[in-house]
Amino acid sequence: MRLVQFELSHGERRVGVVEDGRVREVQSLRTVRELALAAIEASVDLRQQVQSLGLGASHDYAQLLAELRVLVPLDHPDPAHMLVSGTGLTHLGSAAARDKMHQQAGDDSALTDTMRIFKWGVEGGKPAAGQAGVQPEWFYKGDGSIVVRPGQAFAVPPFAEDAGEEPEIGGLYVIGQDGKPYRLGYAVGNEFSDHVMERKNYLYLAHSKLRNCSYGPELRVGELPRHLAGTSRIVRDGEVLWQNEFLSGEANMCHSLENLEYHHFKYAQFLRPGDVHIHFFGTATLSFADGIRTRPGDVFEISQAEFGAPLINGIRAVDAVFAPGAVGTL
């Protein structure tokens, strides 16, 4: 089952199930978060909760996408109660892409640390079930305010030195009233980062991640296939500028999903009832590693057949929101 969130023509929200090019409304509830919390309360899974509520009106999926009325498949009414984060160096081949990026800058110390943490993941990232393995690289992207709906453009601030795609699979979670995280499923994502800034010094990774992102348009309910092969593409002026395959799923990773989830949710501050978490699992495929530099007007297309419609986002330059010395004094 694949779920979407969308808006009617007058802006009212709905939850829908994608079926053969159509979207059928889920009765009664208006958000996937509400659907998940109701399922937790009823001690059933999402499929069962949808079945109990029933399906209603049908909509043309392609039209909803074209009119930018499809939202990300999980969010929170208060963006401050939504945490977007991720892990890096989790995929077989991800260290090579990172090293290639840093080698271009001659940063040998970053290369050494990259290979060290990748090696730790290969050796201890897939522990036995119920046990903790080595912790991965972890980063914070922002709260819900940095999320861009499918079809809309990512904002590139004046201080940005790059605007690069990162095709990834993300886990979508809600914290139940019992303080336990519940995984709703997975979505294709574009984690979107500033690779020039990161390349200068790996300690700038934290800065490079504070950018927009998107995921969806569909939430895939159920377990993640062990092997996933998708396509990441950049289109400029109607022509394909760059294209490559990206792999995901545990068969292509040096960490298990269980291990990545444990090392995120082991922190008590991430277990606040009602909160939403979007956690990106990493990638091994970057156009930047192939020397591509994007510019406003370019379009990212990330497709993965098992996740339905592709995720499409553009790039747009925006004005600064803050200036040096502009902090007020009380």
C-alpha atoms as a PDB file:
ATOM      1  CA  MET A   1       0.000   0.000   0.000  1.00  0.00           C
ATOM      2  CA  ARG A   2       1.192   3.508  -0.891  1.00  0.00           C
ATOM      3  CA  LEU A   3      -0.215   6.584   0.844  1.00  0.00           C
ATOM      4  CA  VAL A   4      -0.167  10.261  -0.099  1.00  0.00           C
ATOM      5  CA  GLN A   5      -1.290  13.498   1.469  1.00  0.00           C
ATOM      6  CA  PHE A   6      -2.885  16.025  -0.855  1.00  0.00           C
ATOM      7  CA  GLU A   7      -5.024  19.145  -1.018  1.00  0.00           C
ATOM      8  CA  LEU A   8      -8.424  19.575  -2.596  1.00  0.00           C
ATOM      9  CA  SER A   9      -8.925  22.522  -4.951  1.00  0.00           C
ATOM     10  CA  HIS A  10      -9.976  24.756  -2.044  1.00  0.00           C
ATOM     11  CA  GLY A  11      -6.974  23.727   0.097  1.00  0.00           C
ATOM     12  CA  GLU A  12      -8.557  21.226   2.488  1.00  0.00           C
ATOM     13  CA  ARG A  13      -6.280  18.266   3.189  1.00  0.00           C
ATOM     14  CA  ARG A  14      -6.910  14.602   2.540  1.00  0.00           C
ATOM     15  CA  VAL A  15      -5.099  11.282   2.909  1.00  0.00           C
ATOM     16  CA  GLY A  16      -5.214   9.012  -0.108  1.00  0.00           C
ATOM     17  CA  VAL A  17      -4.312   5.506  -1.261  1.00  0.00           C
ATOM     18  CA  VAL A  18      -2.639   5.305  -4.686  1.00  0.00           C
ATOM     19  CA  GLU A  19      -4.292   2.742  -6.966  1.00  0.00           C
ATOM     20  CA  ASP A  20      -3.740   2.445 -10.740  1.00  0.00           C
ATOM     21  CA  GLY A  21      -3.195   6.116 -11.441  1.00  0.00           C
ATOM     22  CA  ARG A  22      -5.956   7.228  -9.085  1.00  0.00           C
ATOM     23  CA  VAL A  23      -5.953   8.420  -5.483  1.00  0.00           C
ATOM     24  CA  ARG A  24      -8.784   7.175  -3.270  1.00  0.00           C
ATOM     25  CA  GLU A  25      -9.548   9.294  -0.214  1.00  0.00           C
ATOM     26  CA  VAL A  26      -9.250   7.660   3.207  1.00  0.00           C
ATOM     27  CA  GLN A  27     -12.431   8.488   5.107  1.00  0.00           C
ATOM     28  CA  SER A  28     -12.591  10.639   8.258  1.00  0.00           C
ATOM     29  CA  LEU A  29      -8.915  11.574   8.814  1.00  0.00           C
ATOM     30  CA  ARG A  30      -7.077  14.473   7.170  1.00  0.00           C
ATOM     31  CA  THR A  31      -3.396  13.663   7.811  1.00  0.00           C
ATOM     32  CA  VAL A  32      -1.180  10.589   7.802  1.00  0.00           C
ATOM     33  CA  ARG A  33      -0.001  11.526  11.290  1.00  0.00           C
ATOM     34  CA  GLU A  34      -3.597  11.308  12.560  1.00  0.00           C
ATOM     35  CA  LEU A  35      -3.966   7.991  10.761  1.00  0.00           C
ATOM     36  CA  ALA A  36      -0.815   6.646  12.417  1.00  0.00           C
ATOM     37  CA  LEU A  37      -1.759   7.805  15.912  1.00  0.00           C
ATOM     38  CA  ALA A  38      -5.213   6.235  15.511  1.00  0.00           C
ATOM     39  CA  ALA A  39      -3.605   2.963  14.395  1.00  0.00           C
ATOM     40  CA  ILE A  40      -1.275   2.995  17.410  1.00  0.00           C
ATOM     41  CA  GLU A  41      -4.228   3.633  19.723  1.00  0.00           C
ATOM     42  CA  ALA A  42      -6.172   0.757  18.152  1.00  0.00           C
ATOM     43  CA  SER A  43      -3.133  -1.583  18.191  1.00  0.00           C
ATOM     44  CA  VAL A  44      -3.405  -2.221  14.427  1.00  0.00           C
ATOM     45  CA  ASP A  45      -1.149  -1.491  11.459  1.00  0.00           C
ATOM     46  CA  LEU A  46      -1.765   1.205   8.857  1.00  0.00           C
ATOM     47  CA  ARG A  47      -3.352  -1.166   6.356  1.00  0.00           C
ATOM     48  CA  GLN A  48      -5.865  -2.332   8.925  1.00  0.00           C
ATOM     49  CA  GLN A  49      -6.618   1.223  10.023  1.00  0.00           C
ATOM     50  CA  VAL A  50      -7.246   2.306   6.425  1.00  0.00           C
ATOM     51  CA  GLN A  51      -9.517  -0.699   5.874  1.00  0.00           C
ATOM     52  CA  SER A  52     -11.492   0.100   9.007  1.00  0.00           C
ATOM     53  CA  LEU A  53     -12.051   3.689   7.885  1.00  0.00           C
ATOM     54  CA  GLY A  54     -12.841   2.847   4.271  1.00  0.00           C
ATOM     55  CA  LEU A  55     -12.119   4.661   1.013  1.00  0.00           C
ATOM     56  CA  GLY A  56     -14.153   7.416  -0.620  1.00  0.00           C
ATOM     57  CA  ALA A  57     -13.814   9.827  -3.539  1.00  0.00           C
ATOM     58  CA  SER A  58     -11.330   9.152  -6.323  1.00  0.00           C
ATOM     59  CA  HIS A  59      -8.929  11.707  -7.873  1.00  0.00           C
ATOM     60  CA  ASP A  60      -6.636  11.741 -10.904  1.00  0.00           C
ATOM     61  CA  TYR A  61      -3.135  11.303  -9.474  1.00  0.00           C
ATOM     62  CA  ALA A  62      -1.283  12.880 -12.411  1.00  0.00           C
ATOM     63  CA  GLN A  63      -3.477  15.981 -12.162  1.00  0.00           C
ATOM     64  CA  LEU A  64      -2.828  16.324  -8.416  1.00  0.00           C
ATOM     65  CA  LEU A  65       0.925  16.136  -9.062  1.00  0.00           C
ATOM     66  CA  ALA A  66       0.809  18.579 -11.986  1.00  0.00           C
ATOM     67  CA  GLU A  67      -1.119  21.104  -9.895  1.00  0.00           C
ATOM     68  CA  LEU A  68       1.366  20.742  -6.989  1.00  0.00           C
ATOM     69  CA  ARG A  69      -1.420  19.643  -4.658  1.00  0.00           C
ATOM     70  CA  VAL A  70       0.478  16.588  -3.384  1.00  0.00           C
ATOM     71  CA  LEU A  71       2.232  17.172  -0.060  1.00  0.00           C
ATOM     72  CA  VAL A  72       5.041  15.186   1.538  1.00  0.00           C
ATOM     73  CA  PRO A  73       3.487  11.954   2.872  1.00  0.00           C
ATOM     74  CA  LEU A  74       4.084  12.726   6.571  1.00  0.00           C
ATOM     75  CA  ASP A  75       4.344  16.029   8.417  1.00  0.00           C
ATOM     76  CA  HIS A  76       3.254  17.768  11.626  1.00  0.00           C
ATOM     77  CA  PRO A  77       0.907  20.752  12.065  1.00  0.00           C
ATOM     78  CA  ASP A  78       3.635  22.412  14.163  1.00  0.00           C
ATOM     79  CA  PRO A  79       6.956  22.284  12.229  1.00  0.00           C
ATOM     80  CA  ALA A  80       8.889  22.588  15.505  1.00  0.00           C
ATOM     81  CA  HIS A  81       7.640  19.113  16.457  1.00  0.00           C
ATOM     82  CA  MET A  82       9.131  17.521  13.358  1.00  0.00           C
ATOM     83  CA  LEU A  83      12.794  16.475  13.240  1.00  0.00           C
ATOM     84  CA  VAL A  84      14.615  15.855   9.965  1.00  0.00           C
ATOM     85  CA  SER A  85      17.937  14.021  10.310  1.00  0.00           C
ATOM     86  CA  GLY A  86      20.125  11.501   8.541  1.00  0.00           C
ATOM     87  CA  THR A  87      23.098   9.190   8.552  1.00  0.00           C
ATOM     88  CA  GLY A  88      26.062   9.087   6.187  1.00  0.00           C
ATOM     89  CA  LEU A  89      28.656   6.528   5.071  1.00  0.00           C
ATOM     90  CA  THR A  90      26.002   3.828   5.399  1.00  0.00           C
ATOM     91  CA  HIS A  91      26.074   2.421   1.866  1.00  0.00           C
ATOM     92  CA  LEU A  92      28.665   0.241   0.187  1.00  0.00           C
ATOM     93  CA  GLY A  93      30.386   2.707  -2.120  1.00  0.00           C
ATOM     94  CA  SER A  94      29.466   5.783  -0.086  1.00  0.00           C
ATOM     95  CA  ALA A  95      33.006   6.133   1.240  1.00  0.00           C
ATOM     96  CA  ALA A  96      34.358   6.107  -2.314  1.00  0.00           C
ATOM     97  CA  ALA A  97      32.042   8.948  -3.311  1.00  0.00           C
ATOM     98  CA  ARG A  98      32.963  10.938  -0.210  1.00  0.00           C
ATOM     99  CA  ASP A  99      36.694  10.304  -0.703  1.00  0.00           C
ATOM    100  CA  LYS A 100      36.488  11.350  -4.335  1.00  0.00           C
ATOM    101  CA  MET A 101      34.896  14.606  -3.249  1.00  0.00           C
ATOM    102  CA  HIS A 102      37.535  15.304  -0.621  1.00  0.00           C
ATOM    103  CA  GLN A 103      40.441  14.223  -2.807  1.00  0.00           C
ATOM    104  CA  GLN A 104      39.494  17.035  -5.181  1.00  0.00           C
ATOM    105  CA  ALA A 105      40.273  19.399  -2.312  1.00  0.00           C
ATOM    106  CA  GLY A 106      43.427  17.565  -1.228  1.00  0.00           C
ATOM    107  CA  ASP A 107      41.937  16.992   2.229  1.00  0.00           C
ATOM    108  CA  ASP A 108      43.863  13.937   3.416  1.00  0.00           C
ATOM    109  CA  SER A 109      42.689  14.150   7.021  1.00  0.00           C
ATOM    110  CA  ALA A 110      39.035  14.025   5.924  1.00  0.00           C
ATOM    111  CA  LEU A 111      39.861  11.078   3.668  1.00  0.00           C
ATOM    112  CA  THR A 112      41.386   9.214   6.613  1.00  0.00           C
ATOM    113  CA  ASP A 113      38.427   9.842   8.906  1.00  0.00           C
ATOM    114  CA  THR A 114      35.974   8.940   6.157  1.00  0.00           C
ATOM    115  CA  MET A 115      37.585   5.571   5.589  1.00  0.00           C
ATOM    116  CA  ARG A 116      37.893   4.917   9.304  1.00  0.00           C
ATOM    117  CA  ILE A 117      34.202   5.418  10.089  1.00  0.00           C
ATOM    118  CA  PHE A 118      33.198   3.531   6.942  1.00  0.00           C
ATOM    119  CA  LYS A 119      35.402   0.608   8.005  1.00  0.00           C
ATOM    120  CA  TRP A 120      33.750   0.614  11.432  1.00  0.00           C
ATOM    121  CA  GLY A 121      30.366   0.341   9.708  1.00  0.00           C
ATOM    122  CA  VAL A 122      31.463  -2.546   7.494  1.00  0.00           C
ATOM    123  CA  GLU A 123      32.820  -4.406  10.514  1.00  0.00           C
ATOM    124  CA  GLY A 124      30.087  -3.641  13.055  1.00  0.00           C
ATOM    125  CA  GLY A 125      27.102  -1.998  11.367  1.00  0.00           C
ATOM    126  CA  LYS A 126      24.994  -5.153  11.108  1.00  0.00           C
ATOM    127  CA  PRO A 127      24.849  -6.694  14.587  1.00  0.00           C
ATOM    128  CA  ALA A 128      22.645  -9.595  15.567  1.00  0.00           C
ATOM    129  CA  ALA A 129      18.958  -8.735  15.966  1.00  0.00           C
ATOM    130  CA  GLY A 130      18.255  -6.914  19.209  1.00  0.00           C
ATOM    131  CA  GLN A 131      21.863  -5.849  19.706  1.00  0.00           C
ATOM    132  CA  ALA A 132      23.536  -2.477  19.177  1.00  0.00           C
ATOM    133  CA  GLY A 133      26.218  -2.188  16.525  1.00  0.00           C
ATOM    134  CA  VAL A 134      28.690   0.595  15.824  1.00  0.00           C
ATOM    135  CA  GLN A 135      27.065   4.012  15.609  1.00  0.00           C
ATOM    136  CA  PRO A 136      27.016   5.744  12.203  1.00  0.00           C
ATOM    137  CA  GLU A 137      27.776   9.293  11.215  1.00  0.00           C
ATOM    138  CA  TRP A 138      24.655  11.313  12.149  1.00  0.00           C
ATOM    139  CA  PHE A 139      23.504  14.790  11.166  1.00  0.00           C
ATOM    140  CA  TYR A 140      20.649  17.208  11.804  1.00  0.00           C
ATOM    141  CA  LYS A 141      18.953  18.851   8.817  1.00  0.00           C
ATOM    142  CA  GLY A 142      16.283  20.938  10.492  1.00  0.00           C
ATOM    143  CA  ASP A 143      12.679  20.957  11.612  1.00  0.00           C
ATOM    144  CA  GLY A 144       9.572  20.718   9.450  1.00  0.00           C
ATOM    145  CA  SER A 145      10.040  24.232   8.074  1.00  0.00           C
ATOM    146  CA  ILE A 146      12.859  23.080   5.770  1.00  0.00           C
ATOM    147  CA  VAL A 147      10.709  20.494   3.990  1.00  0.00           C
ATOM    148  CA  VAL A 148       9.580  21.290   0.430  1.00  0.00           C
ATOM    149  CA  ARG A 149       6.599  19.543  -1.147  1.00  0.00           C
ATOM    150  CA  PRO A 150       7.108  17.422  -4.290  1.00  0.00           C
ATOM    151  CA  GLY A 151       7.272  19.567  -7.420  1.00  0.00           C
ATOM    152  CA  GLN A 152       8.435  22.729  -5.670  1.00  0.00           C
ATOM    153  CA  ALA A 153      11.932  24.212  -5.816  1.00  0.00           C
ATOM    154  CA  PHE A 154      14.630  24.093  -3.158  1.00  0.00           C
ATOM    155  CA  ALA A 155      15.754  27.501  -1.880  1.00  0.00           C
ATOM    156  CA  VAL A 156      19.443  28.317  -2.369  1.00  0.00           C
ATOM    157  CA  PRO A 157      20.521  31.076   0.069  1.00  0.00           C
ATOM    158  CA  PRO A 158      23.247  33.606  -0.840  1.00  0.00           C
ATOM    159  CA  PHE A 159      25.812  31.960   1.455  1.00  0.00           C
ATOM    160  CA  ALA A 160      25.393  28.574  -0.228  1.00  0.00           C
ATOM    161  CA  GLU A 161      28.360  27.383  -2.269  1.00  0.00           C
ATOM    162  CA  ASP A 162      26.618  24.422  -3.888  1.00  0.00           C
ATOM    163  CA  ALA A 163      23.134  22.991  -4.387  1.00  0.00           C
ATOM    164  CA  GLY A 164      23.524  19.270  -4.857  1.00  0.00           C
ATOM    165  CA  GLU A 165      21.070  16.383  -4.820  1.00  0.00           C
ATOM    166  CA  GLU A 166      21.353  13.335  -2.567  1.00  0.00           C
ATOM    167  CA  PRO A 167      19.007  10.524  -3.655  1.00  0.00           C
ATOM    168  CA  GLU A 168      18.089   8.501  -0.579  1.00  0.00           C
ATOM    169  CA  ILE A 169      15.470   6.377   1.097  1.00  0.00           C
ATOM    170  CA  GLY A 170      14.017   7.860   4.262  1.00  0.00           C
ATOM    171  CA  GLY A 171      12.238   6.277   7.193  1.00  0.00           C
ATOM    172  CA  LEU A 172       9.045   8.029   8.377  1.00  0.00           C
ATOM    173  CA  TYR A 173       8.163   7.795  12.077  1.00  0.00           C
ATOM    174  CA  VAL A 174       5.645   8.971  14.659  1.00  0.00           C
ATOM    175  CA  ILE A 175       6.245   8.842  18.409  1.00  0.00           C
ATOM    176  CA  GLY A 176       3.311   7.217  20.155  1.00  0.00           C
ATOM    177  CA  GLN A 177       1.783   8.341  23.425  1.00  0.00           C
ATOM    178  CA  ASP A 178       3.771   5.526  25.027  1.00  0.00           C
ATOM    179  CA  GLY A 179       7.011   7.297  24.059  1.00  0.00           C
ATOM    180  CA  LYS A 180       7.892   4.583  21.520  1.00  0.00           C
ATOM    181  CA  PRO A 181       8.830   5.326  17.887  1.00  0.00           C
ATOM    182  CA  TYR A 182       6.631   3.704  15.244  1.00  0.00           C
ATOM    183  CA  ARG A 183       7.825   3.374  11.657  1.00  0.00           C
ATOM    184  CA  LEU A 184       5.023   4.055   9.179  1.00  0.00           C
ATOM    185  CA  GLY A 185       7.108   3.060   6.176  1.00  0.00           C
ATOM    186  CA  TYR A 186       9.578   4.548   3.739  1.00  0.00           C
ATOM    187  CA  ALA A 187       9.773   7.205   1.031  1.00  0.00           C
ATOM    188  CA  VAL A 188      12.188   8.235  -1.686  1.00  0.00           C
ATOM    189  CA  GLY A 189      13.958  11.436  -0.689  1.00  0.00           C
ATOM    190  CA  ASN A 190      16.248  14.179  -1.934  1.00  0.00           C
ATOM    191  CA  GLU A 191      18.334  15.142   1.059  1.00  0.00           C
ATOM    192  CA  PHE A 192      19.980  18.094  -0.818  1.00  0.00           C
ATOM    193  CA  SER A 193      23.268  19.419   0.557  1.00  0.00           C
ATOM    194  CA  ASP A 194      26.091  21.918   0.028  1.00  0.00           C
ATOM    195  CA  HIS A 195      28.993  19.725  -1.077  1.00  0.00           C
ATOM    196  CA  VAL A 196      31.448  22.565  -1.752  1.00  0.00           C
ATOM    197  CA  MET A 197      31.132  23.689   1.846  1.00  0.00           C
ATOM    198  CA  GLU A 198      31.555  20.128   3.118  1.00  0.00           C
ATOM    199  CA  ARG A 199      34.561  19.537   0.865  1.00  0.00           C
ATOM    200  CA  LYS A 200      36.488  22.384   2.480  1.00  0.00           C
ATOM    201  CA  ASN A 201      36.627  20.458   5.741  1.00  0.00           C
ATOM    202  CA  TYR A 202      34.561  17.502   6.932  1.00  0.00           C
ATOM    203  CA  LEU A 203      33.798  19.436  10.136  1.00  0.00           C
ATOM    204  CA  TYR A 204      31.658  21.690   7.951  1.00  0.00           C
ATOM    205  CA  LEU A 205      29.319  18.752   7.310  1.00  0.00           C
ATOM    206  CA  ALA A 206      26.909  20.110   9.941  1.00  0.00           C
ATOM    207  CA  HIS A 207      26.645  23.449   8.085  1.00  0.00           C
ATOM    208  CA  SER A 208      26.314  21.773   4.686  1.00  0.00           C
ATOM    209  CA  LYS A 209      23.220  19.849   5.749  1.00  0.00           C
ATOM    210  CA  LEU A 210      21.163  22.859   6.889  1.00  0.00           C
ATOM    211  CA  ARG A 211      19.244  23.105   3.625  1.00  0.00           C
ATOM    212  CA  ASN A 212      15.838  22.211   2.213  1.00  0.00           C
ATOM    213  CA  CYS A 213      14.861  18.631   1.475  1.00  0.00           C
ATOM    214  CA  SER A 214      11.924  16.702   0.086  1.00  0.00           C
ATOM    215  CA  TYR A 215      10.576  13.164   0.180  1.00  0.00           C
ATOM    216  CA  GLY A 216       7.729  11.239  -1.342  1.00  0.00           C
ATOM    217  CA  PRO A 217       5.425  11.836  -3.011  1.00  0.00           C
ATOM    218  CA  GLU A 218       4.359   8.414  -1.690  1.00  0.00           C
ATOM    219  CA  LEU A 219       4.773   6.609   1.605  1.00  0.00           C
ATOM    220  CA  ARG A 220       5.442   2.912   0.992  1.00  0.00           C
ATOM    221  CA  VAL A 221       3.895   0.942   3.844  1.00  0.00           C
ATOM    222  CA  GLY A 222       5.601  -2.287   4.916  1.00  0.00           C
ATOM    223  CA  GLU A 223       9.138  -3.607   4.942  1.00  0.00           C
ATOM    224  CA  LEU A 224      11.886  -2.173   2.757  1.00  0.00           C
ATOM    225  CA  PRO A 225      13.094  -4.488  -0.034  1.00  0.00           C
ATOM    226  CA  ARG A 226      16.676  -5.655   0.537  1.00  0.00           C
ATOM    227  CA  HIS A 227      17.769  -4.470  -2.903  1.00  0.00           C
ATOM    228  CA  LEU A 228      16.576  -1.266  -4.547  1.00  0.00           C
ATOM    229  CA  ALA A 229      17.892   0.233  -7.779  1.00  0.00           C
ATOM    230  CA  GLY A 230      16.641   3.667  -8.761  1.00  0.00           C
ATOM    231  CA  THR A 231      17.648   6.549 -11.011  1.00  0.00           C
ATOM    232  CA  SER A 232      18.883  10.011 -10.075  1.00  0.00           C
ATOM    233  CA  ARG A 233      18.701  12.572 -12.878  1.00  0.00           C
ATOM    234  CA  ILE A 234      19.379  16.287 -13.361  1.00  0.00           C
ATOM    235  CA  VAL A 235      17.540  18.091 -16.157  1.00  0.00           C
ATOM    236  CA  ARG A 236      18.730  21.474 -17.474  1.00  0.00           C
ATOM    237  CA  ASP A 237      16.811  23.412 -20.118  1.00  0.00           C
ATOM    238  CA  GLY A 238      14.778  20.327 -20.963  1.00  0.00           C
ATOM    239  CA  GLU A 239      17.821  18.101 -21.521  1.00  0.00           C
ATOM    240  CA  VAL A 240      19.312  15.453 -19.225  1.00  0.00           C
ATOM    241  CA  LEU A 241      22.526  16.955 -17.834  1.00  0.00           C
ATOM    242  CA  TRP A 242      23.491  13.974 -15.667  1.00  0.00           C
ATOM    243  CA  GLN A 243      22.021  10.607 -14.790  1.00  0.00           C
ATOM    244  CA  ASN A 244      23.125   7.668 -12.678  1.00  0.00           C
ATOM    245  CA  GLU A 245      21.785   4.621 -10.886  1.00  0.00           C
ATOM    246  CA  PHE A 246      21.534   4.726  -7.113  1.00  0.00           C
ATOM    247  CA  LEU A 247      21.301   1.619  -4.961  1.00  0.00           C
ATOM    248  CA  SER A 248      19.731   1.196  -1.540  1.00  0.00           C
ATOM    249  CA  GLY A 249      18.240  -1.459   0.719  1.00  0.00           C
ATOM    250  CA  GLU A 250      20.212  -3.475   3.257  1.00  0.00           C
ATOM    251  CA  ALA A 251      21.873  -5.615   0.572  1.00  0.00           C
ATOM    252  CA  ASN A 252      23.686  -2.438  -0.532  1.00  0.00           C
ATOM    253  CA  MET A 253      24.349  -1.041   2.943  1.00  0.00           C
ATOM    254  CA  CYS A 254      27.017  -1.592   5.591  1.00  0.00           C
ATOM    255  CA  HIS A 255      24.535  -0.786   8.397  1.00  0.00           C
ATOM    256  CA  SER A 256      21.257  -2.523   9.119  1.00  0.00           C
ATOM    257  CA  LEU A 257      18.155  -0.345   9.292  1.00  0.00           C
ATOM    258  CA  GLU A 258      17.606  -1.579  12.850  1.00  0.00           C
ATOM    259  CA  ASN A 259      21.051  -0.319  13.829  1.00  0.00           C
ATOM    260  CA  LEU A 260      20.488   3.090  12.237  1.00  0.00           C
ATOM    261  CA  GLU A 261      17.133   3.414  13.985  1.00  0.00           C
ATOM    262  CA  TYR A 262      18.572   2.410  17.347  1.00  0.00           C
ATOM    263  CA  HIS A 263      21.329   5.012  17.203  1.00  0.00           C
ATOM    264  CA  HIS A 264      18.800   7.718  16.380  1.00  0.00           C
ATOM    265  CA  PHE A 265      16.079   6.893  18.862  1.00  0.00           C
ATOM    266  CA  LYS A 266      18.383   5.982  21.753  1.00  0.00           C
ATOM    267  CA  TYR A 267      18.305   9.679  22.713  1.00  0.00           C
ATOM    268  CA  ALA A 268      15.490  10.535  25.125  1.00  0.00           C
ATOM    269  CA  GLN A 269      14.889  13.960  23.549  1.00  0.00           C
ATOM    270  CA  PHE A 270      13.807  12.211  20.338  1.00  0.00           C
ATOM    271  CA  LEU A 271      10.971  10.304  22.030  1.00  0.00           C
ATOM    272  CA  ARG A 272       8.453  13.082  22.671  1.00  0.00           C
ATOM    273  CA  PRO A 273       4.903  11.740  22.160  1.00  0.00           C
ATOM    274  CA  GLY A 274       3.219  13.001  19.010  1.00  0.00           C
ATOM    275  CA  ASP A 275       6.402  14.170  17.292  1.00  0.00           C
ATOM    276  CA  VAL A 276       7.275  13.236  13.721  1.00  0.00           C
ATOM    277  CA  HIS A 277      10.729  12.112  12.544  1.00  0.00           C
ATOM    278  CA  ILE A 278      12.050  11.879   8.993  1.00  0.00           C
ATOM    279  CA  HIS A 279      15.393  10.073   8.891  1.00  0.00           C
ATOM    280  CA  PHE A 280      17.453   9.759   5.708  1.00  0.00           C
ATOM    281  CA  PHE A 281      19.508   6.568   5.428  1.00  0.00           C
ATOM    282  CA  GLY A 282      22.290   7.826   3.141  1.00  0.00           C
ATOM    283  CA  THR A 283      23.467   7.382  -0.433  1.00  0.00           C
ATOM    284  CA  ALA A 284      26.484   6.385  -2.505  1.00  0.00           C
ATOM    285  CA  THR A 285      25.556   8.417  -5.603  1.00  0.00           C
ATOM    286  CA  LEU A 286      26.262  12.139  -6.035  1.00  0.00           C
ATOM    287  CA  SER A 287      26.472  14.188  -9.231  1.00  0.00           C
ATOM    288  CA  PHE A 288      28.938  16.460  -7.438  1.00  0.00           C
ATOM    289  CA  ALA A 289      31.433  13.579  -7.225  1.00  0.00           C
ATOM    290  CA  ASP A 290      31.304  13.516 -11.048  1.00  0.00           C
ATOM    291  CA  GLY A 291      32.111  17.221 -11.301  1.00  0.00           C
ATOM    292  CA  ILE A 292      28.546  18.485 -11.839  1.00  0.00           C
ATOM    293  CA  ARG A 293      27.672  21.956 -10.535  1.00  0.00           C
ATOM    294  CA  THR A 294      23.969  22.788 -10.494  1.00  0.00           C
ATOM    295  CA  ARG A 295      22.370  26.205 -10.976  1.00  0.00           C
ATOM    296  CA  PRO A 296      18.926  27.795 -10.479  1.00  0.00           C
ATOM    297  CA  GLY A 297      16.455  26.369 -12.946  1.00  0.00           C
ATOM    298  CA  ASP A 298      17.882  22.847 -12.864  1.00  0.00           C
ATOM    299  CA  VAL A 299      15.458  20.066 -11.984  1.00  0.00           C
ATOM    300  CA  PHE A 300      16.161  16.945  -9.911  1.00  0.00           C
ATOM    301  CA  GLU A 301      14.249  13.753 -10.719  1.00  0.00           C
ATOM    302  CA  ILE A 302      14.632  10.803  -8.346  1.00  0.00           C
ATOM    303  CA  SER A 303      12.754   7.659  -9.280  1.00  0.00           C
ATOM    304  CA  GLN A 304      12.417   4.262  -7.634  1.00  0.00           C
ATOM    305  CA  ALA A 305       9.846   1.928  -9.179  1.00  0.00           C
ATOM    306  CA  GLU A 306       8.856   0.364  -5.865  1.00  0.00           C
ATOM    307  CA  PHE A 307       7.868   3.807  -4.549  1.00  0.00           C
ATOM    308  CA  GLY A 308       5.558   4.916  -7.347  1.00  0.00           C
ATOM    309  CA  ALA A 309       5.751   8.402  -8.845  1.00  0.00           C
ATOM    310  CA  PRO A 310       9.199  10.063  -9.048  1.00  0.00           C
ATOM    311  CA  LEU A 311      10.222  12.856  -6.689  1.00  0.00           C
ATOM    312  CA  ILE A 312      10.805  16.055  -8.676  1.00  0.00           C
ATOM    313  CA  ASN A 313      12.186  19.333  -7.316  1.00  0.00           C
ATOM    314  CA  GLY A 314      13.855  22.390  -8.833  1.00  0.00           C
ATOM    315  CA  ILE A 315      16.314  24.982  -7.516  1.00  0.00           C
ATOM    316  CA  ARG A 316      15.730  28.696  -6.939  1.00  0.00           C
ATOM    317  CA  ALA A 317      17.917  31.446  -5.557  1.00  0.00           C
ATOM    318  CA  VAL A 318      16.505  33.363  -2.569  1.00  0.00           C
ATOM    319  CA  ASP A 319      17.484  36.534  -0.728  1.00  0.00           C
ATOM    320  CA  ALA A 320      19.292  36.515   2.596  1.00  0.00           C
ATOM    321  CA  VAL A 321      17.069  36.377   5.676  1.00  0.00           C
ATOM    322  CA  PHE A 322      19.728  37.634   8.078  1.00  0.00           C
ATOM    323  CA  ALA A 323      22.767  39.954   7.898  1.00  0.00           C
ATOM    324  CA  PRO A 324      26.027  40.127   9.919  1.00  0.00           C
ATOM    325  CA  GLY A 325      25.584  42.288  13.009  1.00  0.00           C
ATOM    326  CA  ALA A 326      21.793  42.181  12.843  1.00  0.00           C
ATOM    327  CA  VAL A 327      21.254  40.557  16.253  1.00  0.00           C
ATOM    328  CA  GLY A 328      19.196  42.800  18.475  1.00  0.00           C
ATOM    329  CA  THR A 329      20.066  43.743  22.051  1.00  0.00           C
ATOM    330  CA  LEU A 330      17.618  43.744  24.970  1.00  0.00           C
END
